[in-house]
Amino acid sequence: MKESYVAASCVEGTARRLGVPYREVYDRMKRVGMIENYIIPYYDVLHTMSREHVIDDMLECLKTWEEDV
């Protein structure tokens, strides 16, 4: 499933940028529903963006979604 690879790449890249373990970012994204409600549904758009831009987007989205919880 291509969506799973993109989701894993988003989590991994975000974790690397933050300097934290992959599992920590996965848990945070899972808690706010980012994987199933943002990354997977918009995989086709995210897949076309540069890795740097996607990670910037993930960080902004995660911060915003965590503030709303």
C-alpha atoms as a PDB file:
ATOM      1  CA  MET A   1       0.000   0.000   0.000  1.00  0.00           C
ATOM      2  CA  LYS A   2       1.583   3.252  -1.194  1.00  0.00           C
ATOM      3  CA  GLU A   3      -0.230   5.281   1.447  1.00  0.00           C
ATOM      4  CA  SER A   4       1.543   3.365   4.214  1.00  0.00           C
ATOM      5  CA  TYR A   5       4.939   4.206   2.761  1.00  0.00           C
ATOM      6  CA  VAL A   6       4.083   7.891   2.572  1.00  0.00           C
ATOM      7  CA  ALA A   7       2.726   7.841   6.133  1.00  0.00           C
ATOM      8  CA  ALA A   8       5.887   6.131   7.396  1.00  0.00           C
ATOM      9  CA  SER A   9       8.031   8.660   5.549  1.00  0.00           C
ATOM     10  CA  CYS A  10       6.071  11.548   7.096  1.00  0.00           C
ATOM     11  CA  VAL A  11       6.479  10.142  10.602  1.00  0.00           C
ATOM     12  CA  GLU A  12      10.148   9.320  10.095  1.00  0.00           C
ATOM     13  CA  GLY A  13      11.032  12.698   8.586  1.00  0.00           C
ATOM     14  CA  THR A  14       9.180  14.587  11.292  1.00  0.00           C
ATOM     15  CA  ALA A  15      10.875  12.561  14.029  1.00  0.00           C
ATOM     16  CA  ARG A  16      14.278  13.179  12.476  1.00  0.00           C
ATOM     17  CA  ARG A  17      13.636  16.935  12.247  1.00  0.00           C
ATOM     18  CA  LEU A  18      12.488  17.049  15.888  1.00  0.00           C
ATOM     19  CA  GLY A  19      15.346  14.815  17.052  1.00  0.00           C
ATOM     20  CA  VAL A  20      12.991  12.408  18.794  1.00  0.00           C
ATOM     21  CA  PRO A  21      12.217   8.698  18.368  1.00  0.00           C
ATOM     22  CA  TYR A  22       9.957   7.648  15.490  1.00  0.00           C
ATOM     23  CA  ARG A  23       7.537   6.038  17.956  1.00  0.00           C
ATOM     24  CA  GLU A  24       7.020   9.317  19.823  1.00  0.00           C
ATOM     25  CA  VAL A  25       5.944  11.141  16.659  1.00  0.00           C
ATOM     26  CA  TYR A  26       3.800   8.195  15.553  1.00  0.00           C
ATOM     27  CA  ASP A  27       2.019   8.174  18.919  1.00  0.00           C
ATOM     28  CA  ARG A  28       1.425  11.934  18.793  1.00  0.00           C
ATOM     29  CA  MET A  29       0.075  11.799  15.227  1.00  0.00           C
ATOM     30  CA  LYS A  30      -2.084   8.785  16.038  1.00  0.00           C
ATOM     31  CA  ARG A  31      -3.489  10.479  19.161  1.00  0.00           C
ATOM     32  CA  VAL A  32      -4.763  13.489  17.176  1.00  0.00           C
ATOM     33  CA  GLY A  33      -5.884  11.433  14.170  1.00  0.00           C
ATOM     34  CA  MET A  34      -3.397  12.907  11.739  1.00  0.00           C
ATOM     35  CA  ILE A  35      -2.450   9.648  10.050  1.00  0.00           C
ATOM     36  CA  GLU A  36      -5.943   8.462   9.219  1.00  0.00           C
ATOM     37  CA  ASN A  37      -7.547  11.887   8.731  1.00  0.00           C
ATOM     38  CA  TYR A  38      -4.798  13.787   6.947  1.00  0.00           C
ATOM     39  CA  ILE A  39      -1.801  11.799   5.752  1.00  0.00           C
ATOM     40  CA  ILE A  40      -3.683   8.823   4.245  1.00  0.00           C
ATOM     41  CA  PRO A  41      -6.553  10.802   2.639  1.00  0.00           C
ATOM     42  CA  TYR A  42      -4.171  13.386   1.138  1.00  0.00           C
ATOM     43  CA  TYR A  43      -1.420  10.939   0.266  1.00  0.00           C
ATOM     44  CA  ASP A  44      -1.675  11.747  -3.465  1.00  0.00           C
ATOM     45  CA  VAL A  45      -0.991  15.449  -2.816  1.00  0.00           C
ATOM     46  CA  LEU A  46       1.712  14.842  -0.190  1.00  0.00           C
ATOM     47  CA  HIS A  47       3.420  12.382  -2.509  1.00  0.00           C
ATOM     48  CA  THR A  48       4.003  15.150  -5.076  1.00  0.00           C
ATOM     49  CA  MET A  49       5.558  17.619  -2.626  1.00  0.00           C
ATOM     50  CA  SER A  50       9.232  17.867  -1.699  1.00  0.00           C
ATOM     51  CA  ARG A  51      10.269  15.974   1.419  1.00  0.00           C
ATOM     52  CA  GLU A  52      11.277  19.232   3.104  1.00  0.00           C
ATOM     53  CA  HIS A  53       7.899  20.819   2.379  1.00  0.00           C
ATOM     54  CA  VAL A  54       6.034  17.735   3.607  1.00  0.00           C
ATOM     55  CA  ILE A  55       7.960  17.733   6.891  1.00  0.00           C
ATOM     56  CA  ASP A  56       7.309  21.449   7.376  1.00  0.00           C
ATOM     57  CA  ASP A  57       3.618  20.749   6.744  1.00  0.00           C
ATOM     58  CA  MET A  58       3.603  17.811   9.174  1.00  0.00           C
ATOM     59  CA  LEU A  59       5.164  19.917  11.938  1.00  0.00           C
ATOM     60  CA  GLU A  60       2.691  22.749  11.455  1.00  0.00           C
ATOM     61  CA  CYS A  61      -0.261  20.375  11.275  1.00  0.00           C
ATOM     62  CA  LEU A  62       0.816  18.379  14.332  1.00  0.00           C
ATOM     63  CA  LYS A  63       1.272  21.529  16.393  1.00  0.00           C
ATOM     64  CA  THR A  64      -2.129  22.873  15.351  1.00  0.00           C
ATOM     65  CA  TRP A  65      -3.986  19.604  15.872  1.00  0.00           C
ATOM     66  CA  GLU A  66      -2.410  19.059  19.299  1.00  0.00           C
ATOM     67  CA  GLU A  67      -3.505  22.545  20.369  1.00  0.00           C
ATOM     68  CA  ASP A  68      -7.080  21.691  19.358  1.00  0.00           C
ATOM     69  CA  VAL A  69      -7.219  18.487  21.424  1.00  0.00           C
END
